[in-house]
Amino acid sequence: MNPQDSSQFYYCFTKLGFVGDGMFYKYVQKAVTKTIRSFEGPHLRLMFYKFDHADETRLNRGVRGRLIEHLRYLIRENQLKGYDAYNIYLHTQRLTYEPT
């Protein structure tokens, strides 16, 4: 699964309020982990939908932490468009990874 597919599947199911766990989300998390360096702004934006809602996000802490690190890398390298950054900001209260 490529970054575009995994981000769109994740966004679609999260936005629809699908509460299932199981193999689908394990597979999405594995796909994200394997392709994290290929994620660009638009795909990353979809993965950050409801990112700070602990009961609605479908990603485990490790994957969330890796997404934040990749986002910070793109920001440092000036490779993130303003539209993507703004939308990520809208769905994220803070970009610090604080395990609870």
PDB file of N, CA and C in Angstrom:
ATOM      1  N   MET A   1       0.850  -1.181   0.000  1.00  0.00           N
ATOM      2  CA  MET A   1       0.000   0.000   0.000  1.00  0.00           C
ATOM      3  C   MET A   1       0.896   1.244   0.000  1.00  0.00           C
ATOM      4  N   ASN A   2       0.581   2.199  -0.838  1.00  0.00           N
ATOM      5  CA  ASN A   2       1.407   3.406  -0.905  1.00  0.00           C
ATOM      6  C   ASN A   2       0.855   4.495   0.027  1.00  0.00           C
ATOM      7  N   PRO A   3       1.622   5.572   0.259  1.00  0.00           N
ATOM      8  CA  PRO A   3       1.186   6.611   1.194  1.00  0.00           C
ATOM      9  C   PRO A   3      -0.173   7.220   0.848  1.00  0.00           C
ATOM     10  N   GLN A   4      -0.423   7.412  -0.447  1.00  0.00           N
ATOM     11  CA  GLN A   4      -1.691   8.011  -0.859  1.00  0.00           C
ATOM     12  C   GLN A   4      -2.868   7.133  -0.455  1.00  0.00           C
ATOM     13  N   ASP A   5      -2.767   5.835  -0.718  1.00  0.00           N
ATOM     14  CA  ASP A   5      -3.860   4.915  -0.374  1.00  0.00           C
ATOM     15  C   ASP A   5      -4.070   4.828   1.131  1.00  0.00           C
ATOM     16  N   SER A   6      -2.974   4.631   1.877  1.00  0.00           N
ATOM     17  CA  SER A   6      -3.109   4.459   3.325  1.00  0.00           C
ATOM     18  C   SER A   6      -3.664   5.715   3.981  1.00  0.00           C
ATOM     19  N   SER A   7      -3.226   6.907   3.537  1.00  0.00           N
ATOM     20  CA  SER A   7      -3.741   8.143   4.140  1.00  0.00           C
ATOM     21  C   SER A   7      -5.213   8.353   3.803  1.00  0.00           C
ATOM     22  N   GLN A   8      -5.609   8.033   2.584  1.00  0.00           N
ATOM     23  CA  GLN A   8      -7.007   8.232   2.196  1.00  0.00           C
ATOM     24  C   GLN A   8      -7.932   7.232   2.885  1.00  0.00           C
ATOM     25  N   PHE A   9      -7.500   5.971   2.989  1.00  0.00           N
ATOM     26  CA  PHE A   9      -8.299   4.979   3.722  1.00  0.00           C
ATOM     27  C   PHE A   9      -8.457   5.399   5.179  1.00  0.00           C
ATOM     28  N   TYR A  10      -7.345   5.797   5.784  1.00  0.00           N
ATOM     29  CA  TYR A  10      -7.362   6.194   7.189  1.00  0.00           C
ATOM     30  C   TYR A  10      -8.300   7.378   7.402  1.00  0.00           C
ATOM     31  N   TYR A  11      -8.155   8.400   6.572  1.00  0.00           N
ATOM     32  CA  TYR A  11      -8.981   9.610   6.689  1.00  0.00           C
ATOM     33  C   TYR A  11     -10.456   9.274   6.509  1.00  0.00           C
ATOM     34  N   CYS A  12     -10.761   8.486   5.506  1.00  0.00           N
ATOM     35  CA  CYS A  12     -12.147   8.137   5.212  1.00  0.00           C
ATOM     36  C   CYS A  12     -12.793   7.430   6.400  1.00  0.00           C
ATOM     37  N   PHE A  13     -12.129   6.420   6.932  1.00  0.00           N
ATOM     38  CA  PHE A  13     -12.717   5.660   8.028  1.00  0.00           C
ATOM     39  C   PHE A  13     -12.786   6.482   9.309  1.00  0.00           C
ATOM     40  N   THR A  14     -11.781   7.320   9.553  1.00  0.00           N
ATOM     41  CA  THR A  14     -11.792   8.146  10.754  1.00  0.00           C
ATOM     42  C   THR A  14     -12.888   9.202  10.662  1.00  0.00           C
ATOM     43  N   LYS A  15     -13.008   9.825   9.494  1.00  0.00           N
ATOM     44  CA  LYS A  15     -14.023  10.867   9.315  1.00  0.00           C
ATOM     45  C   LYS A  15     -15.438  10.292   9.426  1.00  0.00           C
ATOM     46  N   LEU A  16     -15.623   9.070   8.964  1.00  0.00           N
ATOM     47  CA  LEU A  16     -16.941   8.442   9.039  1.00  0.00           C
ATOM     48  C   LEU A  16     -17.267   7.963  10.449  1.00  0.00           C
ATOM     49  N   GLY A  17     -16.279   8.027  11.339  1.00  0.00           N
ATOM     50  CA  GLY A  17     -16.520   7.619  12.719  1.00  0.00           C
ATOM     51  C   GLY A  17     -16.485   6.117  12.912  1.00  0.00           C
ATOM     52  N   PHE A  18     -15.839   5.417  12.007  1.00  0.00           N
ATOM     53  CA  PHE A  18     -15.728   3.970  12.124  1.00  0.00           C
ATOM     54  C   PHE A  18     -14.915   3.623  13.360  1.00  0.00           C
ATOM     55  N   VAL A  19     -15.494   2.848  14.252  1.00  0.00           N
ATOM     56  CA  VAL A  19     -14.844   2.603  15.538  1.00  0.00           C
ATOM     57  C   VAL A  19     -14.133   1.263  15.602  1.00  0.00           C
ATOM     58  N   GLY A  20     -14.082   0.550  14.504  1.00  0.00           N
ATOM     59  CA  GLY A  20     -13.427  -0.761  14.524  1.00  0.00           C
ATOM     60  C   GLY A  20     -11.926  -0.638  14.693  1.00  0.00           C
ATOM     61  N   ASP A  21     -11.332  -1.683  15.175  1.00  0.00           N
ATOM     62  CA  ASP A  21      -9.877  -1.769  15.282  1.00  0.00           C
ATOM     63  C   ASP A  21      -9.434  -2.878  14.338  1.00  0.00           C
ATOM     64  N   GLY A  22      -8.857  -3.887  14.916  1.00  0.00           N
ATOM     65  CA  GLY A  22      -8.584  -5.104  14.180  1.00  0.00           C
ATOM     66  C   GLY A  22      -7.494  -4.993  13.136  1.00  0.00           C
ATOM     67  N   MET A  23      -7.527  -5.929  12.201  1.00  0.00           N
ATOM     68  CA  MET A  23      -6.463  -6.091  11.223  1.00  0.00           C
ATOM     69  C   MET A  23      -6.335  -4.897  10.282  1.00  0.00           C
ATOM     70  N   PHE A  24      -7.442  -4.256   9.963  1.00  0.00           N
ATOM     71  CA  PHE A  24      -7.374  -3.127   9.027  1.00  0.00           C
ATOM     72  C   PHE A  24      -6.422  -2.050   9.538  1.00  0.00           C
ATOM     73  N   TYR A  25      -6.583  -1.654  10.798  1.00  0.00           N
ATOM     74  CA  TYR A  25      -5.740  -0.579  11.324  1.00  0.00           C
ATOM     75  C   TYR A  25      -4.326  -1.044  11.620  1.00  0.00           C
ATOM     76  N   LYS A  26      -4.161  -2.301  11.932  1.00  0.00           N
ATOM     77  CA  LYS A  26      -2.794  -2.825  12.062  1.00  0.00           C
ATOM     78  C   LYS A  26      -2.089  -2.732  10.715  1.00  0.00           C
ATOM     79  N   TYR A  27      -2.825  -3.067   9.663  1.00  0.00           N
ATOM     80  CA  TYR A  27      -2.250  -3.014   8.325  1.00  0.00           C
ATOM     81  C   TYR A  27      -1.932  -1.579   7.924  1.00  0.00           C
ATOM     82  N   VAL A  28      -2.836  -0.645   8.225  1.00  0.00           N
ATOM     83  CA  VAL A  28      -2.601   0.768   7.908  1.00  0.00           C
ATOM     84  C   VAL A  28      -1.368   1.272   8.650  1.00  0.00           C
ATOM     85  N   GLN A  29      -1.253   0.922   9.940  1.00  0.00           N
ATOM     86  CA  GLN A  29      -0.107   1.372  10.729  1.00  0.00           C
ATOM     87  C   GLN A  29       1.196   0.805  10.188  1.00  0.00           C
ATOM     88  N   LYS A  30       1.189  -0.455   9.763  1.00  0.00           N
ATOM     89  CA  LYS A  30       2.395  -1.045   9.165  1.00  0.00           C
ATOM     90  C   LYS A  30       2.732  -0.350   7.852  1.00  0.00           C
ATOM     91  N   ALA A  31       1.699  -0.080   7.052  1.00  0.00           N
ATOM     92  CA  ALA A  31       1.927   0.584   5.764  1.00  0.00           C
ATOM     93  C   ALA A  31       2.501   1.982   5.971  1.00  0.00           C
ATOM     94  N   VAL A  32       1.971   2.709   6.959  1.00  0.00           N
ATOM     95  CA  VAL A  32       2.478   4.056   7.245  1.00  0.00           C
ATOM     96  C   VAL A  32       3.927   3.982   7.704  1.00  0.00           C
ATOM     97  N   THR A  33       4.222   3.063   8.609  1.00  0.00           N
ATOM     98  CA  THR A  33       5.585   2.936   9.121  1.00  0.00           C
ATOM     99  C   THR A  33       6.576   2.625   8.010  1.00  0.00           C
ATOM    100  N   LYS A  34       6.183   1.749   7.083  1.00  0.00           N
ATOM    101  CA  LYS A  34       7.092   1.361   5.997  1.00  0.00           C
ATOM    102  C   LYS A  34       7.295   2.471   4.977  1.00  0.00           C
ATOM    103  N   THR A  35       6.298   3.341   4.811  1.00  0.00           N
ATOM    104  CA  THR A  35       6.370   4.352   3.752  1.00  0.00           C
ATOM    105  C   THR A  35       6.453   5.777   4.284  1.00  0.00           C
ATOM    106  N   ILE A  36       6.736   5.938   5.580  1.00  0.00           N
ATOM    107  CA  ILE A  36       6.687   7.250   6.219  1.00  0.00           C
ATOM    108  C   ILE A  36       7.566   8.285   5.522  1.00  0.00           C
ATOM    109  N   ARG A  37       8.713   7.886   5.013  1.00  0.00           N
ATOM    110  CA  ARG A  37       9.616   8.847   4.367  1.00  0.00           C
ATOM    111  C   ARG A  37       9.085   9.317   3.018  1.00  0.00           C
ATOM    112  N   SER A  38       8.091   8.620   2.483  1.00  0.00           N
ATOM    113  CA  SER A  38       7.504   9.002   1.201  1.00  0.00           C
ATOM    114  C   SER A  38       6.304   9.923   1.368  1.00  0.00           C
ATOM    115  N   PHE A  39       5.854  10.124   2.598  1.00  0.00           N
ATOM    116  CA  PHE A  39       4.677  10.961   2.832  1.00  0.00           C
ATOM    117  C   PHE A  39       4.998  12.409   2.524  1.00  0.00           C
ATOM    118  N   GLU A  40       4.140  13.031   1.707  1.00  0.00           N
ATOM    119  CA  GLU A  40       4.258  14.445   1.399  1.00  0.00           C
ATOM    120  C   GLU A  40       3.117  15.184   2.085  1.00  0.00           C
ATOM    121  N   GLY A  41       3.082  16.492   1.920  1.00  0.00           N
ATOM    122  CA  GLY A  41       2.102  17.326   2.598  1.00  0.00           C
ATOM    123  C   GLY A  41       0.657  16.867   2.496  1.00  0.00           C
ATOM    124  N   PRO A  42       0.151  16.652   1.268  1.00  0.00           N
ATOM    125  CA  PRO A  42      -1.271  16.275   1.150  1.00  0.00           C
ATOM    126  C   PRO A  42      -1.610  14.967   1.860  1.00  0.00           C
ATOM    127  N   HIS A  43      -0.730  13.970   1.749  1.00  0.00           N
ATOM    128  CA  HIS A  43      -0.994  12.684   2.395  1.00  0.00           C
ATOM    129  C   HIS A  43      -0.821  12.790   3.903  1.00  0.00           C
ATOM    130  N   LEU A  44       0.160  13.567   4.310  1.00  0.00           N
ATOM    131  CA  LEU A  44       0.382  13.765   5.740  1.00  0.00           C
ATOM    132  C   LEU A  44      -0.801  14.491   6.367  1.00  0.00           C
ATOM    133  N   ARG A  45      -1.361  15.440   5.631  1.00  0.00           N
ATOM    134  CA  ARG A  45      -2.513  16.201   6.123  1.00  0.00           C
ATOM    135  C   ARG A  45      -3.677  15.278   6.471  1.00  0.00           C
ATOM    136  N   LEU A  46      -3.926  14.276   5.651  1.00  0.00           N
ATOM    137  CA  LEU A  46      -5.022  13.342   5.911  1.00  0.00           C
ATOM    138  C   LEU A  46      -4.759  12.508   7.156  1.00  0.00           C
ATOM    139  N   MET A  47      -3.501  12.189   7.411  1.00  0.00           N
ATOM    140  CA  MET A  47      -3.166  11.367   8.574  1.00  0.00           C
ATOM    141  C   MET A  47      -3.321  12.156   9.873  1.00  0.00           C
ATOM    142  N   PHE A  48      -3.309  13.488   9.801  1.00  0.00           N
ATOM    143  CA  PHE A  48      -3.417  14.296  11.009  1.00  0.00           C
ATOM    144  C   PHE A  48      -4.847  14.677  11.347  1.00  0.00           C
ATOM    145  N   TYR A  49      -5.813  14.143  10.624  1.00  0.00           N
ATOM    146  CA  TYR A  49      -7.213  14.436  10.916  1.00  0.00           C
ATOM    147  C   TYR A  49      -7.586  13.877  12.288  1.00  0.00           C
ATOM    148  N   LYS A  50      -8.104  14.728  13.170  1.00  0.00           N
ATOM    149  CA  LYS A  50      -8.456  14.370  14.549  1.00  0.00           C
ATOM    150  C   LYS A  50      -7.271  13.734  15.288  1.00  0.00           C
ATOM    151  N   PHE A  51      -6.108  14.230  15.020  1.00  0.00           N
ATOM    152  CA  PHE A  51      -4.879  13.638  15.544  1.00  0.00           C
ATOM    153  C   PHE A  51      -4.803  13.703  17.065  1.00  0.00           C
ATOM    154  N   ASP A  52      -5.337  14.772  17.650  1.00  0.00           N
ATOM    155  CA  ASP A  52      -5.245  14.949  19.100  1.00  0.00           C
ATOM    156  C   ASP A  52      -6.437  14.365  19.854  1.00  0.00           C
ATOM    157  N   HIS A  53      -7.375  13.791  19.134  1.00  0.00           N
ATOM    158  CA  HIS A  53      -8.521  13.176  19.789  1.00  0.00           C
ATOM    159  C   HIS A  53      -8.158  11.723  20.098  1.00  0.00           C
ATOM    160  N   ALA A  54      -7.713  11.494  21.301  1.00  0.00           N
ATOM    161  CA  ALA A  54      -7.184  10.176  21.655  1.00  0.00           C
ATOM    162  C   ALA A  54      -8.191   9.063  21.418  1.00  0.00           C
ATOM    163  N   ASP A  55      -9.485   9.366  21.591  1.00  0.00           N
ATOM    164  CA  ASP A  55     -10.486   8.315  21.425  1.00  0.00           C
ATOM    165  C   ASP A  55     -10.909   8.139  19.964  1.00  0.00           C
ATOM    166  N   GLU A  56     -10.474   9.054  19.081  1.00  0.00           N
ATOM    167  CA  GLU A  56     -10.884   8.956  17.675  1.00  0.00           C
ATOM    168  C   GLU A  56      -9.732   8.665  16.730  1.00  0.00           C
ATOM    169  N   THR A  57      -8.510   8.954  17.138  1.00  0.00           N
ATOM    170  CA  THR A  57      -7.383   8.620  16.282  1.00  0.00           C
ATOM    171  C   THR A  57      -7.201   7.107  16.276  1.00  0.00           C
ATOM    172  N   ARG A  58      -6.786   6.572  15.153  1.00  0.00           N
ATOM    173  CA  ARG A  58      -6.656   5.120  15.018  1.00  0.00           C
ATOM    174  C   ARG A  58      -5.195   4.674  15.020  1.00  0.00           C
ATOM    175  N   LEU A  59      -4.286   5.610  15.318  1.00  0.00           N
ATOM    176  CA  LEU A  59      -2.862   5.293  15.246  1.00  0.00           C
ATOM    177  C   LEU A  59      -2.281   5.081  16.632  1.00  0.00           C
ATOM    178  N   ASN A  60      -1.388   4.123  16.745  1.00  0.00           N
ATOM    179  CA  ASN A  60      -0.744   3.931  18.041  1.00  0.00           C
ATOM    180  C   ASN A  60       0.324   5.001  18.262  1.00  0.00           C
ATOM    181  N   ARG A  61       0.845   5.058  19.477  1.00  0.00           N
ATOM    182  CA  ARG A  61       1.771   6.143  19.845  1.00  0.00           C
ATOM    183  C   ARG A  61       3.031   6.150  18.992  1.00  0.00           C
ATOM    184  N   GLY A  62       3.535   4.963  18.680  1.00  0.00           N
ATOM    185  CA  GLY A  62       4.766   4.898  17.886  1.00  0.00           C
ATOM    186  C   GLY A  62       4.592   5.509  16.511  1.00  0.00           C
ATOM    187  N   VAL A  63       3.493   5.164  15.840  1.00  0.00           N
ATOM    188  CA  VAL A  63       3.229   5.702  14.507  1.00  0.00           C
ATOM    189  C   VAL A  63       2.977   7.201  14.587  1.00  0.00           C
ATOM    190  N   ARG A  64       2.238   7.639  15.601  1.00  0.00           N
ATOM    191  CA  ARG A  64       1.997   9.071  15.768  1.00  0.00           C
ATOM    192  C   ARG A  64       3.309   9.822  15.961  1.00  0.00           C
ATOM    193  N   GLY A  65       4.192   9.268  16.773  1.00  0.00           N
ATOM    194  CA  GLY A  65       5.489   9.904  17.001  1.00  0.00           C
ATOM    195  C   GLY A  65       6.309  10.009  15.729  1.00  0.00           C
ATOM    196  N   ARG A  66       6.297   8.947  14.909  1.00  0.00           N
ATOM    197  CA  ARG A  66       7.043   8.973  13.655  1.00  0.00           C
ATOM    198  C   ARG A  66       6.445   9.978  12.672  1.00  0.00           C
ATOM    199  N   LEU A  67       5.123  10.101  12.665  1.00  0.00           N
ATOM    200  CA  LEU A  67       4.482  11.103  11.799  1.00  0.00           C
ATOM    201  C   LEU A  67       4.891  12.517  12.209  1.00  0.00           C
ATOM    202  N   ILE A  68       4.924  12.775  13.515  1.00  0.00           N
ATOM    203  CA  ILE A  68       5.332  14.095  13.993  1.00  0.00           C
ATOM    204  C   ILE A  68       6.772  14.391  13.606  1.00  0.00           C
ATOM    205  N   GLU A  69       7.647  13.389  13.769  1.00  0.00           N
ATOM    206  CA  GLU A  69       9.051  13.587  13.402  1.00  0.00           C
ATOM    207  C   GLU A  69       9.195  13.877  11.908  1.00  0.00           C
ATOM    208  N   HIS A  70       8.437  13.159  11.093  1.00  0.00           N
ATOM    209  CA  HIS A  70       8.510  13.392   9.648  1.00  0.00           C
ATOM    210  C   HIS A  70       7.965  14.773   9.298  1.00  0.00           C
ATOM    211  N   LEU A  71       6.897  15.186   9.961  1.00  0.00           N
ATOM    212  CA  LEU A  71       6.346  16.522   9.743  1.00  0.00           C
ATOM    213  C   LEU A  71       7.373  17.590  10.105  1.00  0.00           C
ATOM    214  N   ARG A  72       8.029  17.423  11.229  1.00  0.00           N
ATOM    215  CA  ARG A  72       9.052  18.397  11.636  1.00  0.00           C
ATOM    216  C   ARG A  72      10.190  18.457  10.622  1.00  0.00           C
ATOM    217  N   TYR A  73      10.554  17.290  10.084  1.00  0.00           N
ATOM    218  CA  TYR A  73      11.610  17.254   9.062  1.00  0.00           C
ATOM    219  C   TYR A  73      11.191  18.063   7.832  1.00  0.00           C
ATOM    220  N   LEU A  74       9.955  17.854   7.364  1.00  0.00           N
ATOM    221  CA  LEU A  74       9.470  18.586   6.194  1.00  0.00           C
ATOM    222  C   LEU A  74       9.422  20.090   6.453  1.00  0.00           C
ATOM    223  N   ILE A  75       9.046  20.477   7.673  1.00  0.00           N
ATOM    224  CA  ILE A  75       9.012  21.895   8.029  1.00  0.00           C
ATOM    225  C   ILE A  75      10.424  22.473   8.014  1.00  0.00           C
ATOM    226  N   ARG A  76      11.375  21.746   8.616  1.00  0.00           N
ATOM    227  CA  ARG A  76      12.770  22.210   8.632  1.00  0.00           C
ATOM    228  C   ARG A  76      13.331  22.360   7.220  1.00  0.00           C
ATOM    229  N   GLU A  77      12.973  21.427   6.345  1.00  0.00           N
ATOM    230  CA  GLU A  77      13.488  21.443   4.974  1.00  0.00           C
ATOM    231  C   GLU A  77      12.663  22.352   4.058  1.00  0.00           C
ATOM    232  N   ASN A  78      11.676  23.022   4.624  1.00  0.00           N
ATOM    233  CA  ASN A  78      10.819  23.952   3.875  1.00  0.00           C
ATOM    234  C   ASN A  78      10.105  23.249   2.713  1.00  0.00           C
ATOM    235  N   GLN A  79       9.623  22.044   2.976  1.00  0.00           N
ATOM    236  CA  GLN A  79       8.963  21.242   1.948  1.00  0.00           C
ATOM    237  C   GLN A  79       7.472  21.061   2.205  1.00  0.00           C
ATOM    238  N   LEU A  80       6.903  21.883   3.063  1.00  0.00           N
ATOM    239  CA  LEU A  80       5.487  21.758   3.388  1.00  0.00           C
ATOM    240  C   LEU A  80       4.770  23.029   2.944  1.00  0.00           C
ATOM    241  N   LYS A  81       3.710  22.872   2.177  1.00  0.00           N
ATOM    242  CA  LYS A  81       2.957  24.023   1.698  1.00  0.00           C
ATOM    243  C   LYS A  81       2.110  24.597   2.825  1.00  0.00           C
ATOM    244  N   GLY A  82       1.828  25.873   2.723  1.00  0.00           N
ATOM    245  CA  GLY A  82       1.051  26.553   3.753  1.00  0.00           C
ATOM    246  C   GLY A  82      -0.321  25.939   3.977  1.00  0.00           C
ATOM    247  N   TYR A  83      -0.969  25.525   2.887  1.00  0.00           N
ATOM    248  CA  TYR A  83      -2.307  24.934   3.002  1.00  0.00           C
ATOM    249  C   TYR A  83      -2.271  23.666   3.845  1.00  0.00           C
ATOM    250  N   ASP A  84      -1.272  22.823   3.590  1.00  0.00           N
ATOM    251  CA  ASP A  84      -1.143  21.579   4.352  1.00  0.00           C
ATOM    252  C   ASP A  84      -0.826  21.868   5.813  1.00  0.00           C
ATOM    253  N   ALA A  85       0.099  22.802   6.035  1.00  0.00           N
ATOM    254  CA  ALA A  85       0.474  23.149   7.409  1.00  0.00           C
ATOM    255  C   ALA A  85      -0.729  23.704   8.172  1.00  0.00           C
ATOM    256  N   TYR A  86      -1.526  24.540   7.520  1.00  0.00           N
ATOM    257  CA  TYR A  86      -2.699  25.126   8.169  1.00  0.00           C
ATOM    258  C   TYR A  86      -3.721  24.049   8.530  1.00  0.00           C
ATOM    259  N   ASN A  87      -3.972  23.135   7.623  1.00  0.00           N
ATOM    260  CA  ASN A  87      -4.940  22.071   7.902  1.00  0.00           C
ATOM    261  C   ASN A  87      -4.456  21.129   8.988  1.00  0.00           C
ATOM    262  N   ILE A  88      -3.167  20.841   9.002  1.00  0.00           N
ATOM    263  CA  ILE A  88      -2.612  20.021  10.076  1.00  0.00           C
ATOM    264  C   ILE A  88      -2.779  20.751  11.406  1.00  0.00           C
ATOM    265  N   TYR A  89      -2.526  22.056  11.399  1.00  0.00           N
ATOM    266  CA  TYR A  89      -2.692  22.859  12.611  1.00  0.00           C
ATOM    267  C   TYR A  89      -4.143  22.826  13.108  1.00  0.00           C
ATOM    268  N   LEU A  90      -5.098  22.903  12.185  1.00  0.00           N
ATOM    269  CA  LEU A  90      -6.510  22.889  12.566  1.00  0.00           C
ATOM    270  C   LEU A  90      -6.900  21.624  13.324  1.00  0.00           C
ATOM    271  N   HIS A  91      -6.297  20.507  12.960  1.00  0.00           N
ATOM    272  CA  HIS A  91      -6.668  19.228  13.554  1.00  0.00           C
ATOM    273  C   HIS A  91      -5.677  18.760  14.619  1.00  0.00           C
ATOM    274  N   THR A  92      -4.770  19.638  15.000  1.00  0.00           N
ATOM    275  CA  THR A  92      -3.744  19.275  15.972  1.00  0.00           C
ATOM    276  C   THR A  92      -3.581  20.399  16.979  1.00  0.00           C
ATOM    277  N   GLN A  93      -3.818  20.122  18.238  1.00  0.00           N
ATOM    278  CA  GLN A  93      -3.678  21.153  19.265  1.00  0.00           C
ATOM    279  C   GLN A  93      -2.220  21.438  19.575  1.00  0.00           C
ATOM    280  N   ARG A  94      -1.388  20.430  19.491  1.00  0.00           N
ATOM    281  CA  ARG A  94       0.041  20.613  19.755  1.00  0.00           C
ATOM    282  C   ARG A  94       0.823  19.552  18.991  1.00  0.00           C
ATOM    283  N   LEU A  95       2.029  19.896  18.607  1.00  0.00           N
ATOM    284  CA  LEU A  95       2.840  18.967  17.836  1.00  0.00           C
ATOM    285  C   LEU A  95       3.962  18.353  18.675  1.00  0.00           C
ATOM    286  N   THR A  96       3.803  18.374  19.955  1.00  0.00           N
ATOM    287  CA  THR A  96       4.771  17.704  20.811  1.00  0.00           C
ATOM    288  C   THR A  96       4.257  16.317  21.116  1.00  0.00           C
ATOM    289  N   TYR A  97       5.104  15.358  21.020  1.00  0.00           N
ATOM    290  CA  TYR A  97       4.694  13.977  21.267  1.00  0.00           C
ATOM    291  C   TYR A  97       4.877  13.668  22.748  1.00  0.00           C
ATOM    292  N   GLU A  98       3.762  13.606  23.466  1.00  0.00           N
ATOM    293  CA  GLU A  98       3.788  13.378  24.902  1.00  0.00           C
ATOM    294  C   GLU A  98       3.060  12.062  25.213  1.00  0.00           C
ATOM    295  N   PRO A  99       3.798  10.994  25.417  1.00  0.00           N
ATOM    296  CA  PRO A  99       3.131   9.727  25.750  1.00  0.00           C
ATOM    297  C   PRO A  99       2.387   9.842  27.087  1.00  0.00           C
ATOM    298  N   THR A 100       1.201   9.279  27.141  1.00  0.00           N
ATOM    299  CA  THR A 100       0.435   9.339  28.392  1.00  0.00           C
ATOM    300  C   THR A 100       0.445   8.011  29.100  1.00  0.00           C
TER     301      THR A 100
END
